[in-house]
């Protein structure tokens, strides 16, 4: 009877400690996830960290990806590449020129 009580107390202590660790980690390490449709697919980014830092980091990354999609999308009328392909407008964007130079070096 005494062993049974000790076993019960041990299980309860282990349970409470593991629950405490889990709650502490949830507080300390927040998991944030955002999904946007861009580049003709769904893009999902997961970030783990302090709650006040994860959302801005994800937004920054997704905003940059949206910038790249807008700039390099051949089907977007606002894209310099679209303007070049359809109207012969010269490309002056340094980032696009850099990517083209790199592609020519690799090819």
N, C-alpha and C. Protein backbone atom coordinates (compact mmCIF):
# COMPACT_ATOMS: atom_id res chain seq x y z
N UNK A 1 0.83 -1.18 0.00
CA UNK A 1 0.00 0.00 0.00
C UNK A 1 0.88 1.26 0.00
N UNK A 2 1.95 1.21 0.74
CA UNK A 2 2.88 2.34 0.80
C UNK A 2 3.60 2.51 -0.54
N UNK A 3 3.96 1.38 -1.18
CA UNK A 3 4.63 1.43 -2.49
C UNK A 3 3.68 2.00 -3.55
N UNK A 4 2.43 1.65 -3.46
CA UNK A 4 1.44 2.15 -4.41
C UNK A 4 1.29 3.67 -4.28
N UNK A 5 1.26 4.15 -3.06
CA UNK A 5 1.16 5.58 -2.81
C UNK A 5 2.40 6.31 -3.32
N UNK A 6 3.58 5.74 -3.10
CA UNK A 6 4.82 6.33 -3.58
C UNK A 6 4.85 6.38 -5.11
N UNK A 7 4.40 5.29 -5.74
CA UNK A 7 4.36 5.24 -7.20
C UNK A 7 3.40 6.31 -7.74
N UNK A 8 2.27 6.46 -7.10
CA UNK A 8 1.30 7.47 -7.51
C UNK A 8 1.88 8.88 -7.38
N UNK A 9 2.55 9.15 -6.28
CA UNK A 9 3.18 10.47 -6.07
C UNK A 9 4.27 10.71 -7.11
N UNK A 10 5.06 9.69 -7.40
CA UNK A 10 6.12 9.82 -8.40
C UNK A 10 5.55 10.13 -9.78
N UNK A 11 4.50 9.43 -10.16
CA UNK A 11 3.85 9.67 -11.46
C UNK A 11 3.28 11.09 -11.49
N UNK A 12 2.66 11.52 -10.41
CA UNK A 12 2.08 12.87 -10.35
C UNK A 12 3.17 13.93 -10.46
N UNK A 13 4.29 13.73 -9.79
CA UNK A 13 5.39 14.70 -9.85
C UNK A 13 5.96 14.77 -11.26
N UNK A 14 6.18 13.62 -11.89
CA UNK A 14 6.71 13.59 -13.26
C UNK A 14 5.74 14.29 -14.20
N UNK A 15 4.45 14.03 -14.04
CA UNK A 15 3.44 14.65 -14.89
C UNK A 15 3.44 16.18 -14.72
N UNK A 16 3.46 16.63 -13.48
CA UNK A 16 3.43 18.07 -13.22
C UNK A 16 4.70 18.77 -13.72
N UNK A 17 5.84 18.14 -13.56
CA UNK A 17 7.09 18.72 -14.05
C UNK A 17 7.07 18.81 -15.57
N UNK A 18 6.64 17.75 -16.24
CA UNK A 18 6.60 17.78 -17.71
C UNK A 18 5.58 18.80 -18.20
N UNK A 19 4.46 18.93 -17.50
CA UNK A 19 3.47 19.95 -17.87
C UNK A 19 4.05 21.35 -17.68
N UNK A 20 4.76 21.56 -16.59
CA UNK A 20 5.39 22.85 -16.35
C UNK A 20 6.42 23.20 -17.41
N UNK A 21 7.23 22.23 -17.79
CA UNK A 21 8.24 22.46 -18.84
C UNK A 21 7.56 22.81 -20.15
N UNK A 22 6.49 22.11 -20.48
CA UNK A 22 5.79 22.37 -21.73
C UNK A 22 5.18 23.78 -21.73
N UNK A 23 4.54 24.15 -20.65
CA UNK A 23 3.95 25.49 -20.57
C UNK A 23 5.03 26.57 -20.62
N UNK A 24 6.15 26.35 -19.98
CA UNK A 24 7.26 27.30 -20.02
C UNK A 24 7.78 27.47 -21.44
N UNK A 25 7.95 26.36 -22.15
CA UNK A 25 8.45 26.42 -23.52
C UNK A 25 7.44 27.08 -24.45
N UNK A 26 6.15 26.85 -24.22
CA UNK A 26 5.14 27.52 -25.05
C UNK A 26 5.19 29.02 -24.83
N UNK A 27 5.42 29.43 -23.59
CA UNK A 27 5.52 30.85 -23.30
C UNK A 27 6.79 31.44 -23.90
N UNK A 28 7.87 30.71 -23.78
CA UNK A 28 9.18 31.21 -24.22
C UNK A 28 9.36 31.10 -25.73
N UNK A 29 8.90 30.01 -26.31
CA UNK A 29 9.09 29.75 -27.74
C UNK A 29 7.73 29.70 -28.43
N UNK A 30 7.33 30.81 -28.96
CA UNK A 30 6.05 30.93 -29.65
C UNK A 30 6.21 30.44 -31.09
N UNK A 31 5.26 29.63 -31.57
CA UNK A 31 5.27 29.17 -32.96
C UNK A 31 4.30 30.01 -33.75
N UNK A 32 4.79 30.66 -34.77
CA UNK A 32 3.97 31.50 -35.64
C UNK A 32 4.01 30.92 -37.03
N UNK A 33 2.87 30.97 -37.74
CA UNK A 33 2.80 30.43 -39.10
C UNK A 33 1.92 31.36 -39.93
N UNK A 34 2.39 31.69 -41.12
CA UNK A 34 1.59 32.49 -42.05
C UNK A 34 1.69 31.89 -43.44
N UNK A 35 0.58 31.98 -44.17
CA UNK A 35 0.53 31.47 -45.53
C UNK A 35 0.00 32.57 -46.45
N UNK A 36 0.64 32.73 -47.58
CA UNK A 36 0.17 33.66 -48.62
C UNK A 36 0.27 32.97 -49.97
N UNK A 37 -0.58 33.41 -50.89
CA UNK A 37 -0.50 32.91 -52.25
C UNK A 37 0.37 33.87 -53.06
N UNK A 38 1.47 33.36 -53.59
CA UNK A 38 2.36 34.14 -54.45
C UNK A 38 3.20 33.17 -55.27
N UNK A 39 3.79 33.66 -56.32
CA UNK A 39 4.63 32.83 -57.18
C UNK A 39 3.86 31.60 -57.68
N UNK A 40 2.56 31.80 -57.90
CA UNK A 40 1.66 30.75 -58.41
C UNK A 40 1.57 29.54 -57.49
N UNK A 41 1.77 29.73 -56.20
CA UNK A 41 1.63 28.63 -55.23
C UNK A 41 1.38 29.23 -53.85
N UNK A 42 1.07 28.37 -52.92
CA UNK A 42 0.92 28.80 -51.54
C UNK A 42 2.28 28.73 -50.85
N UNK A 43 2.67 29.80 -50.21
CA UNK A 43 3.94 29.87 -49.50
C UNK A 43 3.62 29.96 -48.00
N UNK A 44 4.17 29.03 -47.23
CA UNK A 44 3.97 29.02 -45.78
C UNK A 44 5.32 29.14 -45.09
N UNK A 45 5.38 30.04 -44.13
CA UNK A 45 6.60 30.22 -43.34
C UNK A 45 6.25 29.98 -41.88
N UNK A 46 7.08 29.17 -41.22
CA UNK A 46 6.97 28.91 -39.79
C UNK A 46 8.14 29.60 -39.10
N UNK A 47 7.87 30.19 -37.95
CA UNK A 47 8.95 30.80 -37.16
C UNK A 47 8.72 30.50 -35.68
N UNK A 48 9.80 30.21 -34.99
CA UNK A 48 9.74 29.94 -33.55
C UNK A 48 10.60 30.98 -32.84
N UNK A 49 10.04 31.57 -31.82
CA UNK A 49 10.78 32.56 -31.06
C UNK A 49 9.86 33.38 -30.20
N UNK A 50 10.34 34.48 -29.67
CA UNK A 50 9.49 35.35 -28.86
C UNK A 50 8.31 35.86 -29.69
N UNK A 51 7.15 35.93 -29.08
CA UNK A 51 5.93 36.28 -29.81
C UNK A 51 6.02 37.64 -30.49
N UNK A 52 6.72 38.58 -29.88
CA UNK A 52 6.81 39.92 -30.48
C UNK A 52 7.81 39.98 -31.64
N UNK A 53 8.55 38.89 -31.89
CA UNK A 53 9.54 38.90 -32.97
C UNK A 53 9.15 38.02 -34.15
N UNK A 54 8.34 37.00 -33.92
CA UNK A 54 8.06 36.05 -35.00
C UNK A 54 7.20 36.64 -36.11
N UNK A 55 6.11 37.32 -35.75
CA UNK A 55 5.22 37.88 -36.78
C UNK A 55 5.93 38.92 -37.64
N UNK A 56 6.68 39.87 -37.07
CA UNK A 56 7.40 40.82 -37.93
C UNK A 56 8.43 40.15 -38.84
N UNK A 57 9.09 39.11 -38.35
CA UNK A 57 10.08 38.41 -39.17
C UNK A 57 9.40 37.71 -40.34
N UNK A 58 8.29 37.06 -40.08
CA UNK A 58 7.56 36.38 -41.16
C UNK A 58 7.03 37.40 -42.15
N UNK A 59 6.45 38.49 -41.66
CA UNK A 59 5.92 39.52 -42.56
C UNK A 59 7.02 40.10 -43.43
N UNK A 60 8.18 40.32 -42.86
CA UNK A 60 9.31 40.86 -43.62
C UNK A 60 9.73 39.89 -44.72
N UNK A 61 9.82 38.61 -44.39
CA UNK A 61 10.21 37.60 -45.39
C UNK A 61 9.16 37.48 -46.49
N UNK A 62 7.89 37.44 -46.11
CA UNK A 62 6.83 37.32 -47.12
C UNK A 62 6.73 38.58 -47.98
N UNK A 63 6.92 39.74 -47.38
CA UNK A 63 6.91 40.99 -48.17
C UNK A 63 8.04 41.00 -49.19
N UNK A 64 9.22 40.54 -48.79
CA UNK A 64 10.36 40.48 -49.72
C UNK A 64 10.08 39.50 -50.85
N UNK A 65 9.49 38.36 -50.52
CA UNK A 65 9.14 37.38 -51.55
C UNK A 65 8.11 37.97 -52.52
N UNK A 66 7.16 38.75 -51.98
CA UNK A 66 6.16 39.39 -52.83
C UNK A 66 6.81 40.41 -53.76
N UNK A 67 7.78 41.16 -53.24
CA UNK A 67 8.55 42.11 -54.06
C UNK A 67 9.23 41.39 -55.23
N UNK A 68 9.88 40.28 -54.92
CA UNK A 68 10.57 39.50 -55.95
C UNK A 68 9.58 38.97 -56.97
N UNK A 69 8.44 38.47 -56.49
CA UNK A 69 7.42 37.95 -57.40
C UNK A 69 6.90 39.05 -58.32
N UNK A 70 6.64 40.22 -57.76
CA UNK A 70 6.15 41.33 -58.58
C UNK A 70 7.19 41.75 -59.61
N UNK A 71 8.44 41.78 -59.21
CA UNK A 71 9.51 42.25 -60.09
C UNK A 71 9.84 41.26 -61.21
N UNK A 72 9.84 39.96 -60.90
CA UNK A 72 10.31 38.95 -61.86
C UNK A 72 9.19 38.18 -62.56
N UNK A 73 7.94 38.48 -62.25
CA UNK A 73 6.82 37.74 -62.82
C UNK A 73 6.56 38.19 -64.26
N UNK A 74 6.72 37.28 -65.19
CA UNK A 74 6.56 37.62 -66.61
C UNK A 74 5.10 37.83 -66.99
N UNK A 75 4.17 37.47 -66.12
CA UNK A 75 2.74 37.63 -66.42
C UNK A 75 2.12 38.82 -65.69
N UNK A 76 2.91 39.54 -64.91
CA UNK A 76 2.41 40.68 -64.16
C UNK A 76 2.68 41.96 -64.95
N UNK A 77 1.62 42.68 -65.35
CA UNK A 77 1.82 43.91 -66.13
C UNK A 77 2.64 44.99 -65.41
N UNK A 78 2.77 44.90 -64.09
CA UNK A 78 3.58 45.86 -63.34
C UNK A 78 5.06 45.48 -63.30
N UNK A 79 5.40 44.33 -63.83
CA UNK A 79 6.78 43.84 -63.78
C UNK A 79 7.62 44.45 -64.90
N UNK A 80 8.85 44.84 -64.57
CA UNK A 80 9.75 45.34 -65.62
C UNK A 80 10.02 44.28 -66.69
N UNK A 81 10.01 43.02 -66.31
CA UNK A 81 10.24 41.95 -67.28
C UNK A 81 9.06 41.84 -68.24
N UNK A 82 7.84 41.99 -67.72
CA UNK A 82 6.65 41.99 -68.57
C UNK A 82 6.74 43.15 -69.57
N UNK A 83 7.11 44.33 -69.07
CA UNK A 83 7.22 45.51 -69.94
C UNK A 83 8.28 45.29 -71.01
N UNK A 84 9.39 44.66 -70.65
CA UNK A 84 10.44 44.36 -71.62
C UNK A 84 9.95 43.38 -72.68
N UNK A 85 9.28 42.32 -72.24
CA UNK A 85 8.82 41.29 -73.17
C UNK A 85 7.72 41.79 -74.10
N UNK A 86 6.83 42.67 -73.62
CA UNK A 86 5.68 43.07 -74.42
C UNK A 86 5.84 44.41 -75.13
N UNK A 87 6.69 45.30 -74.60
CA UNK A 87 6.81 46.63 -75.20
C UNK A 87 8.25 47.01 -75.51
N UNK A 88 9.19 46.13 -75.19
CA UNK A 88 10.59 46.42 -75.45
C UNK A 88 11.18 47.48 -74.54
N UNK A 89 10.52 47.75 -73.42
CA UNK A 89 11.01 48.74 -72.47
C UNK A 89 12.32 48.26 -71.86
N UNK A 90 13.39 49.06 -71.93
CA UNK A 90 14.67 48.63 -71.35
C UNK A 90 14.55 48.40 -69.84
N UNK A 91 15.29 47.41 -69.37
CA UNK A 91 15.30 47.10 -67.94
C UNK A 91 16.43 47.87 -67.29
N UNK A 92 16.08 48.66 -66.27
CA UNK A 92 17.10 49.44 -65.56
C UNK A 92 17.23 49.01 -64.10
N UNK A 93 16.41 48.07 -63.69
CA UNK A 93 16.44 47.62 -62.29
C UNK A 93 17.74 46.87 -62.02
N UNK A 94 18.57 47.33 -61.06
CA UNK A 94 19.87 46.69 -60.81
C UNK A 94 19.76 45.23 -60.37
N UNK A 95 18.71 44.89 -59.63
CA UNK A 95 18.56 43.51 -59.18
C UNK A 95 18.30 42.56 -60.35
N UNK A 96 17.46 42.99 -61.28
CA UNK A 96 17.18 42.16 -62.45
C UNK A 96 18.44 42.02 -63.31
N UNK A 97 19.15 43.12 -63.50
CA UNK A 97 20.39 43.08 -64.28
C UNK A 97 21.41 42.14 -63.64
N UNK A 98 21.52 42.18 -62.32
CA UNK A 98 22.45 41.30 -61.61
C UNK A 98 22.08 39.82 -61.81
N UNK A 99 20.79 39.52 -61.75
CA UNK A 99 20.35 38.13 -61.95
C UNK A 99 20.64 37.68 -63.38
N UNK A 100 20.42 38.55 -64.35
CA UNK A 100 20.70 38.20 -65.75
C UNK A 100 22.19 37.97 -65.95
N UNK A 101 23.04 38.83 -65.38
CA UNK A 101 24.49 38.63 -65.49
C UNK A 101 24.92 37.30 -64.87
N UNK A 102 24.37 36.98 -63.73
CA UNK A 102 24.69 35.71 -63.06
C UNK A 102 24.22 34.53 -63.91
N UNK A 103 23.04 34.65 -64.50
CA UNK A 103 22.53 33.57 -65.36
C UNK A 103 23.43 33.37 -66.57
N UNK A 104 23.93 34.47 -67.14
CA UNK A 104 24.82 34.36 -68.30
C UNK A 104 26.16 33.72 -67.92
N UNK A 105 26.64 33.97 -66.71
CA UNK A 105 27.89 33.34 -66.25
C UNK A 105 27.70 31.84 -66.07
N UNK A 106 26.54 31.45 -65.60
CA UNK A 106 26.28 30.03 -65.34
C UNK A 106 26.02 29.28 -66.63
N UNK A 107 25.35 29.93 -67.58
CA UNK A 107 24.94 29.26 -68.82
C UNK A 107 26.11 28.89 -69.70
